[in-house]
Amino acid sequence: MHNFQQDIDERSNLTSLNKFELLLFRLGTARSGDRSEVYGINVFKIREIVVMPTITKVAESHPDMMGVVKIRDEIIPVFNLPSIVGCIPNGAPRLLLITEFARTTQAFAVEAVDEIVRLEWQDVLPADPTVSDALITSIAKIDSGKPEARLAQVLDVESILRRFQREEKLASDGMGSAIAMAKNSIVLAADDSAVARALIEGALQALDIRYEMLASGRQLWDRLEQLDQSQQDKGGPRGPEVALVLSDLEMPEMDGFTLTRKIKGDRRFSRIPVIIHSSLSGSANEAHINAVGADAYIAKFVPNELATLLRSFLQAGAA
């Protein structure tokens, strides 16, 4: 028990070093070639890995939904990850990754699990933004600088799960009226998932919030410094003032933990409220969110709850 708890504590403490652990797995051969690609998912999203149990098929379900399984009295949907990503498995998938994500539990069928690797977020680069309908958020460099260096594709779980949900437009119903922000102020938001960015932008637009949307913590930090410089430059056009930062946790180059720590540790920005908006939950993550000085945490993605939280900060700041 001590070793197990020690492992959890050590893994959680990686957040203070801009590091994380990535579970590497394989889905089979890519349809566009004969190579077995390596994929990854943050260990914090994995609840457990189980040998493929008996799956009960669900009538008229999505073609990529294999059915449901019962694990410890919990009914969990199972998704065919090789089929979703476009791989041809070498036989039937043998393992299930049981994941907890945005207040939901689901299982993904995979061919094989390779290993868990410890990486710095700076070794994770944003995926090519020109690729439409992409199912990956970033590319991780494994064993960087070594002859056996590899690349792993980090899956965008938000985009994958969105495929199995009914298409619906983000309605302003339940979000309340527009938020009256202070003049010349904006919200900076960062998320590496294209789907999450679209949902966040929809919510901010419904609330009539002026904002800029970035794809990583590094991009948001750089933008903060640019805006600060524009305020300091005499004779030049003054940039808008940042009223609030809304940040994901998992992001390439710089994660939300590090971004928050940098903001709160810099006298230029320390008074800017920081809200963490993440699919990662659990007491360990929330404790670290508090430790780095974030002003609030909210789980993805419930528009009316996000609206209530934004209103509590922005309307107070505008008064």
Protein backbone atom coordinates (compact mmCIF):
# COMPACT_ATOMS: atom_id res chain seq x y z
CA MET A 1 0.00 0.00 0.00
CA HIS A 2 2.84 2.40 0.84
CA ASN A 3 4.52 1.81 -2.52
CA PHE A 4 1.22 2.30 -4.34
CA GLN A 5 0.54 5.62 -2.58
CA GLN A 6 4.13 6.69 -3.10
CA ASP A 7 3.76 6.03 -6.83
CA ILE A 8 0.59 8.16 -6.95
CA ASP A 9 2.28 11.00 -5.07
CA GLU A 10 5.35 10.89 -7.31
CA ARG A 11 3.20 10.91 -10.44
CA SER A 12 1.16 13.84 -9.13
CA ASN A 13 4.28 15.81 -8.22
CA LEU A 14 5.36 15.76 -11.88
CA THR A 15 2.90 18.60 -12.41
CA SER A 16 5.25 20.96 -10.56
CA LEU A 17 7.98 20.19 -13.10
CA ASN A 18 5.95 20.64 -16.32
CA LYS A 19 6.14 16.86 -16.75
CA PHE A 20 3.60 14.07 -17.13
CA GLU A 21 3.36 10.37 -17.91
CA LEU A 22 2.06 9.02 -21.19
CA LEU A 23 0.69 5.51 -21.73
CA LEU A 24 1.85 4.21 -25.12
CA PHE A 25 -0.25 1.66 -26.98
CA ARG A 26 -0.78 0.23 -30.48
CA LEU A 27 -3.90 -0.13 -32.58
CA GLY A 28 -2.59 -2.15 -35.52
CA THR A 29 -1.36 -1.23 -38.98
CA ALA A 30 -2.24 2.12 -40.49
CA ARG A 31 -4.41 1.81 -43.60
CA SER A 32 -2.11 4.19 -45.45
CA GLY A 33 0.97 2.01 -44.90
CA ASP A 34 2.38 -1.13 -43.33
CA ARG A 35 3.70 0.38 -40.10
CA SER A 36 2.21 -0.03 -36.64
CA GLU A 37 1.89 3.51 -35.27
CA VAL A 38 2.33 4.37 -31.58
CA TYR A 39 -0.41 6.30 -29.80
CA GLY A 40 -0.57 7.80 -26.35
CA ILE A 41 -2.94 9.01 -23.64
CA ASN A 42 -2.22 10.80 -20.37
CA VAL A 43 -1.94 8.30 -17.50
CA PHE A 44 -4.16 10.51 -15.34
CA LYS A 45 -7.08 9.65 -17.65
CA ILE A 46 -6.59 5.88 -17.27
CA ARG A 47 -8.47 4.22 -14.44
CA GLU A 48 -7.31 0.70 -15.27
CA ILE A 49 -6.34 -1.69 -18.08
CA VAL A 50 -8.19 -4.99 -18.37
CA VAL A 51 -8.00 -8.04 -20.59
CA MET A 52 -10.89 -8.00 -23.06
CA PRO A 53 -14.01 -9.22 -21.23
CA THR A 54 -17.28 -10.37 -22.75
CA ILE A 55 -18.94 -7.49 -24.58
CA THR A 56 -22.70 -7.14 -24.87
CA LYS A 57 -23.74 -5.60 -28.18
CA VAL A 58 -26.22 -2.73 -28.17
CA ALA A 59 -28.94 -2.66 -30.80
CA GLU A 60 -28.71 0.11 -33.43
CA SER A 61 -25.59 1.59 -31.87
CA HIS A 62 -22.85 3.48 -33.70
CA PRO A 63 -20.72 1.22 -35.95
CA ASP A 64 -17.61 2.04 -33.90
CA MET A 65 -19.28 1.23 -30.60
CA MET A 66 -18.58 -2.41 -29.79
CA GLY A 67 -21.18 -2.59 -27.01
CA VAL A 68 -21.03 -2.41 -23.24
CA VAL A 69 -19.23 -4.27 -20.47
CA LYS A 70 -20.01 -4.70 -16.79
CA ILE A 71 -17.01 -4.03 -14.56
CA ARG A 72 -17.59 -4.02 -10.79
CA ASP A 73 -21.33 -3.37 -11.22
CA GLU A 74 -20.73 -0.46 -13.59
CA ILE A 75 -22.00 -0.56 -17.18
CA ILE A 76 -19.34 0.98 -19.43
CA PRO A 77 -19.58 1.68 -23.18
CA VAL A 78 -16.79 0.17 -25.29
CA PHE A 79 -15.43 1.95 -28.37
CA ASN A 80 -13.41 0.35 -31.16
CA LEU A 81 -10.37 2.62 -31.16
CA PRO A 82 -8.55 0.96 -34.10
CA SER A 83 -11.63 1.49 -36.28
CA ILE A 84 -12.10 5.09 -35.11
CA VAL A 85 -8.49 6.03 -35.83
CA GLY A 86 -8.36 4.09 -39.10
CA CYS A 87 -6.05 1.17 -38.22
CA ILE A 88 -6.27 -2.49 -39.11
CA PRO A 89 -5.60 -4.57 -35.97
CA ASN A 90 -3.59 -7.76 -36.19
CA GLY A 91 -6.48 -9.82 -34.91
CA ALA A 92 -9.18 -8.80 -32.44
CA PRO A 93 -8.26 -6.06 -29.91
CA ARG A 94 -7.05 -7.75 -26.73
CA LEU A 95 -7.18 -5.01 -24.08
CA LEU A 96 -9.50 -2.32 -22.78
CA LEU A 97 -8.34 1.06 -21.51
CA ILE A 98 -10.90 2.16 -18.92
CA THR A 99 -10.81 5.95 -18.90
CA GLU A 100 -12.37 8.70 -16.81
CA PHE A 101 -12.96 11.81 -18.80
CA ALA A 102 -15.16 14.88 -18.33
CA ARG A 103 -17.37 13.22 -15.71
CA THR A 104 -17.82 10.06 -17.80
CA THR A 105 -16.35 6.56 -17.83
CA GLN A 106 -15.74 4.69 -21.07
CA ALA A 107 -13.53 1.93 -22.44
CA PHE A 108 -11.37 1.93 -25.55
CA ALA A 109 -10.36 -1.34 -27.20
CA VAL A 110 -6.65 -1.47 -28.18
CA GLU A 111 -4.35 -4.06 -29.69
CA ALA A 112 -1.48 -3.85 -27.19
CA VAL A 113 0.02 -1.63 -24.50
CA ASP A 114 3.73 -0.84 -24.82
CA GLU A 115 4.86 1.13 -21.76
CA ILE A 116 4.49 4.26 -19.67
CA VAL A 117 6.98 7.03 -20.43
CA ARG A 118 7.76 10.18 -18.46
CA LEU A 119 7.99 13.31 -20.59
CA GLU A 120 8.36 17.03 -20.33
CA TRP A 121 5.54 18.99 -21.92
CA GLN A 122 8.10 20.86 -23.99
CA ASP A 123 8.73 17.56 -25.81
CA VAL A 124 5.08 17.53 -26.89
CA LEU A 125 4.32 19.63 -29.96
CA PRO A 126 0.90 20.77 -31.21
CA ALA A 127 -0.56 18.72 -34.03
CA ASP A 128 -0.73 20.26 -37.49
CA PRO A 129 -3.70 22.68 -37.32
CA THR A 130 -4.31 22.36 -41.07
CA VAL A 131 -5.40 18.74 -40.74
CA SER A 132 -9.20 18.72 -40.70
CA ASP A 133 -11.19 16.42 -38.44
CA ALA A 134 -7.97 15.37 -36.72
CA LEU A 135 -8.20 12.94 -33.82
CA ILE A 136 -4.89 13.89 -32.24
CA THR A 137 -4.00 16.98 -30.22
CA SER A 138 -0.23 16.69 -30.31
CA ILE A 139 2.88 14.71 -31.20
CA ALA A 140 5.11 13.47 -28.37
CA LYS A 141 8.84 12.96 -28.90
CA ILE A 142 9.87 9.75 -27.12
CA ASP A 143 13.57 9.25 -26.21
CA SER A 144 14.32 12.60 -27.80
CA GLY A 145 17.95 12.97 -28.86
CA LYS A 146 18.62 9.22 -28.90
CA PRO A 147 19.10 7.03 -32.01
CA GLU A 148 15.95 5.09 -31.09
CA ALA A 149 13.81 8.24 -30.82
CA ARG A 150 10.15 7.74 -31.71
CA LEU A 151 7.04 9.82 -32.22
CA ALA A 152 3.73 9.08 -30.52
CA GLN A 153 0.39 10.55 -31.50
CA VAL A 154 -1.52 11.87 -28.47
CA LEU A 155 -5.22 11.23 -29.00
CA ASP A 156 -7.84 13.95 -28.71
CA VAL A 157 -10.34 12.08 -26.55
CA GLU A 158 -12.75 15.02 -26.66
CA SER A 159 -12.98 14.79 -30.45
CA ILE A 160 -13.42 11.03 -30.32
CA LEU A 161 -16.22 11.07 -27.77
CA ARG A 162 -17.95 13.94 -29.54
CA ARG A 163 -18.47 11.62 -32.53
CA PHE A 164 -20.78 9.47 -30.43
CA GLN A 165 -22.88 12.32 -29.13
CA ARG A 166 -25.84 13.79 -30.92
CA GLU A 167 -24.97 16.93 -32.83
CA GLU A 168 -26.36 19.95 -31.03
CA LYS A 169 -25.74 23.63 -31.24
CA LEU A 170 -24.59 25.41 -28.14
CA ALA A 171 -27.70 27.24 -26.94
CA SER A 172 -27.64 30.30 -24.75
CA ASP A 173 -30.61 28.94 -22.79
CA GLY A 174 -29.61 28.48 -19.17
CA MET A 175 -26.45 30.56 -19.56
CA GLY A 176 -28.11 33.83 -18.67
CA SER A 177 -27.71 37.24 -20.19
CA ALA A 178 -24.59 38.70 -21.75
CA ILE A 179 -21.77 39.60 -19.37
CA ALA A 180 -20.93 43.30 -19.16
CA MET A 181 -17.13 43.38 -19.15
CA ALA A 182 -14.95 46.37 -18.42
CA LYS A 183 -14.04 48.37 -21.51
CA ASN A 184 -10.84 47.35 -23.31
CA SER A 185 -10.67 44.02 -21.46
CA ILE A 186 -10.54 40.49 -22.85
CA VAL A 187 -10.43 36.87 -21.74
CA LEU A 188 -7.51 34.69 -22.83
CA ALA A 189 -8.44 31.02 -23.21
CA ALA A 190 -6.21 28.03 -24.02
CA ASP A 191 -7.05 24.45 -24.99
CA ASP A 192 -5.25 22.02 -27.28
CA SER A 193 -8.41 20.23 -28.44
CA ALA A 194 -10.09 21.68 -31.53
CA VAL A 195 -13.46 20.41 -30.32
CA ALA A 196 -12.98 21.95 -26.87
CA ARG A 197 -11.92 25.26 -28.42
CA ALA A 198 -15.07 25.33 -30.53
CA LEU A 199 -17.28 24.64 -27.50
CA ILE A 200 -15.52 27.25 -25.38
CA GLU A 201 -15.74 29.84 -28.15
CA GLY A 202 -19.45 29.11 -28.50
CA ALA A 203 -19.98 29.74 -24.79
CA LEU A 204 -17.94 32.95 -24.79
CA GLN A 205 -19.75 34.26 -27.84
CA ALA A 206 -23.15 33.46 -26.30
CA LEU A 207 -22.14 35.54 -23.28
CA ASP A 208 -20.83 38.37 -25.50
CA ILE A 209 -17.37 38.03 -23.97
CA ARG A 210 -14.41 39.49 -25.85
CA TYR A 211 -11.73 36.82 -26.03
CA GLU A 212 -8.69 35.38 -27.75
CA MET A 213 -8.38 31.62 -28.14
CA LEU A 214 -4.97 29.90 -28.01
CA ALA A 215 -3.93 26.26 -28.51
CA SER A 216 -1.37 25.84 -25.71
CA GLY A 217 -0.14 27.25 -22.43
CA ARG A 218 3.00 28.49 -24.17
CA GLN A 219 0.95 30.44 -26.71
CA LEU A 220 -1.15 32.01 -23.95
CA TRP A 221 1.93 32.99 -21.92
CA ASP A 222 3.56 34.54 -24.98
CA ARG A 223 0.37 36.50 -25.68
CA LEU A 224 0.28 37.76 -22.08
CA GLU A 225 3.80 39.10 -22.45
CA GLN A 226 2.98 40.70 -25.81
CA LEU A 227 -0.02 42.49 -24.33
CA ASP A 228 2.01 43.65 -21.35
CA GLN A 229 4.66 45.05 -23.69
CA SER A 230 2.01 46.89 -25.68
CA GLN A 231 0.86 48.52 -22.45
CA GLN A 232 4.41 49.62 -21.65
CA ASP A 233 5.32 50.98 -25.10
CA LYS A 234 4.90 54.74 -25.02
CA GLY A 235 3.48 56.20 -28.19
CA GLY A 236 2.33 52.85 -29.55
CA PRO A 237 -1.20 51.45 -29.60
CA ARG A 238 -2.23 50.08 -26.22
CA GLY A 239 -3.37 46.50 -26.25
CA PRO A 240 -6.41 45.25 -24.31
CA GLU A 241 -6.10 44.32 -20.66
CA VAL A 242 -6.57 40.68 -19.65
CA ALA A 243 -9.53 40.31 -17.31
CA LEU A 244 -9.30 36.53 -16.88
CA VAL A 245 -7.44 33.43 -18.05
CA LEU A 246 -9.36 30.23 -18.83
CA SER A 247 -6.98 27.29 -19.24
CA ASP A 248 -6.99 23.58 -19.87
CA LEU A 249 -4.52 21.39 -17.94
CA GLU A 250 -3.18 19.05 -20.62
CA MET A 251 -1.47 21.10 -23.31
CA PRO A 252 1.66 20.73 -25.45
CA GLU A 253 4.78 22.80 -24.71
CA MET A 254 3.42 24.18 -21.40
CA ASP A 255 0.65 22.62 -19.33
CA GLY A 256 -1.99 24.46 -17.31
CA PHE A 257 -0.22 23.82 -14.01
CA THR A 258 2.96 25.51 -15.20
CA LEU A 259 1.06 28.32 -16.91
CA THR A 260 -0.87 29.10 -13.71
CA ARG A 261 2.29 28.97 -11.61
CA LYS A 262 4.03 31.41 -13.96
CA ILE A 263 1.08 33.81 -13.98
CA LYS A 264 0.66 33.82 -10.21
CA GLY A 265 4.40 34.11 -9.64
CA ASP A 266 4.83 37.17 -11.87
CA ARG A 267 3.98 40.55 -10.33
CA ARG A 268 2.77 41.80 -13.73
CA PHE A 269 0.04 39.16 -13.95
CA SER A 270 -0.52 37.78 -10.45
CA ARG A 271 -3.84 39.60 -9.96
CA ILE A 272 -5.39 38.10 -13.12
CA PRO A 273 -7.94 35.43 -12.14
CA VAL A 274 -7.11 31.98 -13.52
CA ILE A 275 -9.85 29.38 -14.03
CA ILE A 276 -8.82 25.82 -14.81
CA HIS A 277 -11.28 24.18 -17.22
CA SER A 278 -10.30 20.54 -17.58
CA SER A 279 -11.50 17.01 -18.19
CA LEU A 280 -8.96 15.79 -15.64
CA SER A 281 -10.58 15.42 -12.23
CA GLY A 282 -9.88 13.73 -8.93
CA SER A 283 -8.55 14.93 -5.58
CA ALA A 284 -4.88 14.76 -6.63
CA ASN A 285 -5.38 17.07 -9.59
CA GLU A 286 -7.60 19.47 -7.66
CA ALA A 287 -5.04 19.67 -4.85
CA HIS A 288 -2.34 20.63 -7.34
CA ILE A 289 -4.65 23.16 -8.97
CA ASN A 290 -5.05 24.83 -5.59
CA ALA A 291 -1.33 24.59 -4.87
CA VAL A 292 -0.33 26.51 -8.00
CA GLY A 293 -2.73 29.31 -7.10
CA ALA A 294 -5.61 28.92 -9.54
CA ASP A 295 -8.66 30.91 -8.52
CA ALA A 296 -11.19 28.26 -9.54
CA TYR A 297 -11.60 24.85 -11.15
CA ILE A 298 -14.47 23.62 -13.31
CA ALA A 299 -14.86 20.31 -15.12
CA LYS A 300 -15.61 20.21 -18.84
CA PHE A 301 -18.08 20.87 -20.36
CA VAL A 302 -21.27 22.25 -18.79
CA PRO A 303 -22.07 25.63 -20.40
CA ASN A 304 -24.37 27.00 -17.67
CA GLU A 305 -21.85 26.15 -14.92
CA LEU A 306 -19.06 27.79 -16.90
CA ALA A 307 -21.26 30.85 -17.47
CA THR A 308 -22.00 31.17 -13.75
CA LEU A 309 -18.32 31.00 -12.87
CA LEU A 310 -17.26 33.48 -15.55
CA ARG A 311 -19.99 35.89 -14.46
CA SER A 312 -18.80 35.78 -10.84
CA PHE A 313 -15.34 36.96 -11.89
CA LEU A 314 -15.97 39.22 -14.86
CA GLN A 315 -18.98 41.17 -13.63
CA ALA A 316 -17.26 41.80 -10.32
CA GLY A 317 -14.21 43.02 -12.21
CA ALA A 318 -16.31 45.27 -14.42
CA ALA A 319 -18.10 46.91 -11.54
